Amino acid sequence: MQLKTAEELRITEEQRCALVKALAFLQEDKIKYRPLEGKLLGFKSNGKVDYFNMRAWWREYECGTVCCIGGTAQALSGTSFPNSSVFRNRNLNNLFYPSNQEAWNATPQQAARALSNYLSTGYASWHKAMRNCHLTLNGLDCDRNMGA
């Protein structure tokens, strides 16, 4: 997969590297989806990511840290994504704050596909990232070999 340059994505090289790191982390199944439940301890990151949820940039719960795509990238790399720059960049904004309502419930695998789409095309294409998933007795199962 050929990735866009930071300039093409209209982000800094540090932000691009942070997103590439988050993509590798999400693709390796290192974290699982978790609903935002339990006792909330705060909104600071300890630099680790225990669970994934698109509805939380990063939140610390008794069970561990819950992060979305941007929170995961920031926690793993220490690189920030200031709101002012995110909101000025429509495509980055859509990656972090999807207009596709279904995407707010994305699994880490679906988020990895959206992030891969963004890094390679400049567009998250959440509608494509959310395809090919079905509910099983063990939760949501996504075809990991599906092309974006």
Protein backbone atom coordinates (compact mmCIF):
# COMPACT_ATOMS: atom_id res chain seq x y z
CA MET A 1 0.00 0.00 0.00
CA GLN A 2 1.40 3.39 -1.03
CA LEU A 3 0.89 6.01 1.68
CA LYS A 4 0.27 9.68 1.03
CA THR A 5 2.88 12.14 2.22
CA ALA A 6 2.22 14.41 5.18
CA GLU A 7 1.98 17.32 2.76
CA GLU A 8 -0.64 15.51 0.66
CA LEU A 9 -2.65 14.73 3.80
CA ARG A 10 -2.19 18.34 5.03
CA ILE A 11 -0.81 17.19 8.39
CA THR A 12 2.64 17.34 9.97
CA GLU A 13 5.17 14.55 9.43
CA GLU A 14 4.96 13.80 13.17
CA GLN A 15 1.18 13.39 12.93
CA ARG A 16 1.54 11.14 9.88
CA CYS A 17 4.07 8.95 11.73
CA ALA A 18 1.73 8.80 14.74
CA LEU A 19 -1.15 7.66 12.52
CA VAL A 20 1.04 5.01 10.85
CA LYS A 21 2.01 3.74 14.31
CA ALA A 22 -1.67 3.64 15.34
CA LEU A 23 -2.52 1.74 12.15
CA ALA A 24 0.06 -0.95 12.91
CA PHE A 25 -1.23 -1.19 16.48
CA LEU A 26 -4.86 -1.53 15.36
CA GLN A 27 -4.03 -4.06 12.64
CA GLU A 28 -2.13 -6.27 15.07
CA ASP A 29 -5.27 -6.77 17.19
CA LYS A 30 -3.53 -5.39 20.26
CA ILE A 31 -6.70 -3.81 21.60
CA LYS A 32 -10.37 -4.73 21.69
CA TYR A 33 -13.54 -2.64 21.50
CA ARG A 34 -14.99 -1.63 24.86
CA PRO A 35 -18.20 0.23 25.66
CA LEU A 36 -17.76 3.38 27.74
CA GLU A 37 -18.82 1.86 31.03
CA GLY A 38 -17.50 1.76 34.55
CA LYS A 39 -16.04 4.35 36.86
CA LEU A 40 -14.40 7.18 34.91
CA LEU A 41 -11.12 8.19 36.55
CA GLY A 42 -10.09 11.00 34.21
CA PHE A 43 -9.17 12.18 30.73
CA LYS A 44 -5.38 11.91 30.87
CA SER A 45 -3.41 9.24 29.06
CA ASN A 46 -0.69 7.25 30.73
CA GLY A 47 0.83 6.52 27.31
CA LYS A 48 -0.82 3.15 26.91
CA VAL A 49 -3.98 2.01 25.18
CA ASP A 50 -5.98 -0.84 26.68
CA TYR A 51 -9.27 -0.61 24.75
CA PHE A 52 -10.77 1.04 21.67
CA ASN A 53 -13.91 3.15 21.29
CA MET A 54 -14.50 5.89 18.68
CA ARG A 55 -16.54 7.85 21.25
CA ALA A 56 -13.53 8.58 23.50
CA TRP A 57 -10.34 10.42 22.53
CA TRP A 58 -8.85 8.90 25.65
CA ARG A 59 -10.45 8.19 28.96
CA GLU A 60 -9.05 6.41 31.97
CA TYR A 61 -11.40 3.90 33.59
CA GLU A 62 -10.80 1.42 36.39
CA CYS A 63 -10.44 -1.24 33.66
CA GLY A 64 -7.81 0.76 31.76
CA THR A 65 -7.44 3.43 29.07
CA VAL A 66 -10.01 3.68 26.26
CA CYS A 67 -9.03 5.57 23.06
CA CYS A 68 -10.28 6.29 19.54
CA ILE A 69 -8.06 6.51 16.44
CA GLY A 70 -6.68 9.96 17.30
CA GLY A 71 -6.28 9.14 20.99
CA THR A 72 -4.46 5.92 20.11
CA ALA A 73 -2.08 7.80 17.79
CA GLN A 74 -1.45 10.45 20.43
CA ALA A 75 -1.01 7.96 23.29
CA LEU A 76 1.44 5.76 21.35
CA SER A 77 3.57 8.60 19.99
CA GLY A 78 3.07 11.63 22.22
CA THR A 79 2.14 13.64 19.11
CA SER A 80 -0.84 15.94 19.53
CA PHE A 81 -3.63 16.70 17.10
CA PRO A 82 -4.87 20.18 18.11
CA ASN A 83 -8.59 20.70 17.53
CA SER A 84 -7.91 23.82 15.49
CA SER A 85 -5.87 21.88 12.92
CA VAL A 86 -8.26 18.90 12.90
CA PHE A 87 -11.32 21.06 12.27
CA ARG A 88 -9.59 22.93 9.42
CA ASN A 89 -8.71 19.64 7.70
CA ARG A 90 -12.03 18.14 6.55
CA ASN A 91 -10.61 14.70 5.74
CA LEU A 92 -8.73 14.35 9.04
CA ASN A 93 -11.79 15.65 10.86
CA ASN A 94 -13.92 12.95 9.20
CA LEU A 95 -11.41 10.27 10.23
CA PHE A 96 -11.58 11.35 13.88
CA TYR A 97 -15.22 12.52 13.95
CA PRO A 98 -17.05 10.44 11.32
CA SER A 99 -20.19 11.78 9.66
CA ASN A 100 -21.21 8.12 9.16
CA GLN A 101 -23.14 7.47 12.39
CA GLU A 102 -22.46 3.74 12.20
CA ALA A 103 -18.72 4.47 12.40
CA TRP A 104 -19.06 5.74 15.97
CA ASN A 105 -19.48 2.05 16.90
CA ALA A 106 -16.50 0.85 14.83
CA THR A 107 -14.38 -2.05 15.97
CA PRO A 108 -10.60 -1.67 15.98
CA GLN A 109 -10.50 -3.66 12.71
CA GLN A 110 -12.98 -1.31 11.03
CA ALA A 111 -11.11 1.72 12.36
CA ALA A 112 -7.88 0.25 10.99
CA ARG A 113 -9.49 0.00 7.54
CA ALA A 114 -10.69 3.63 7.74
CA LEU A 115 -7.23 4.76 8.88
CA SER A 116 -5.58 2.73 6.10
CA ASN A 117 -7.97 4.33 3.61
CA TYR A 118 -7.10 7.79 4.93
CA LEU A 119 -3.34 7.23 4.83
CA SER A 120 -3.40 5.78 1.31
CA THR A 121 -6.11 7.92 -0.36
CA GLY A 122 -6.62 10.94 1.89
CA TYR A 123 -10.20 9.84 2.68
CA ALA A 124 -11.37 7.63 5.58
CA SER A 125 -14.21 6.17 3.49
CA TRP A 126 -16.01 4.97 6.59
CA HIS A 127 -18.81 3.47 4.48
CA LYS A 128 -16.26 1.04 2.98
CA ALA A 129 -14.49 0.44 6.29
CA MET A 130 -17.76 -0.58 7.96
CA ARG A 131 -18.65 -3.18 5.32
CA ASN A 132 -18.32 -6.93 5.55
CA CYS A 133 -19.03 -7.31 9.26
CA HIS A 134 -21.60 -9.53 10.87
CA LEU A 135 -22.76 -10.24 14.39
CA THR A 136 -21.74 -13.59 15.86
CA LEU A 137 -22.30 -15.14 19.28
CA ASN A 138 -18.89 -13.73 20.24
CA GLY A 139 -19.61 -10.20 19.02
CA LEU A 140 -18.90 -8.41 15.78
CA ASP A 141 -16.81 -10.36 13.26
CA CYS A 142 -15.15 -8.52 10.39
CA ASP A 143 -13.52 -10.01 7.33
CA ARG A 144 -9.92 -8.85 7.82
CA ASN A 145 -8.99 -9.66 4.22
CA MET A 146 -11.53 -7.34 2.68
CA GLY A 147 -10.00 -4.66 0.50
CA ALA A 148 -10.72 -1.04 1.28
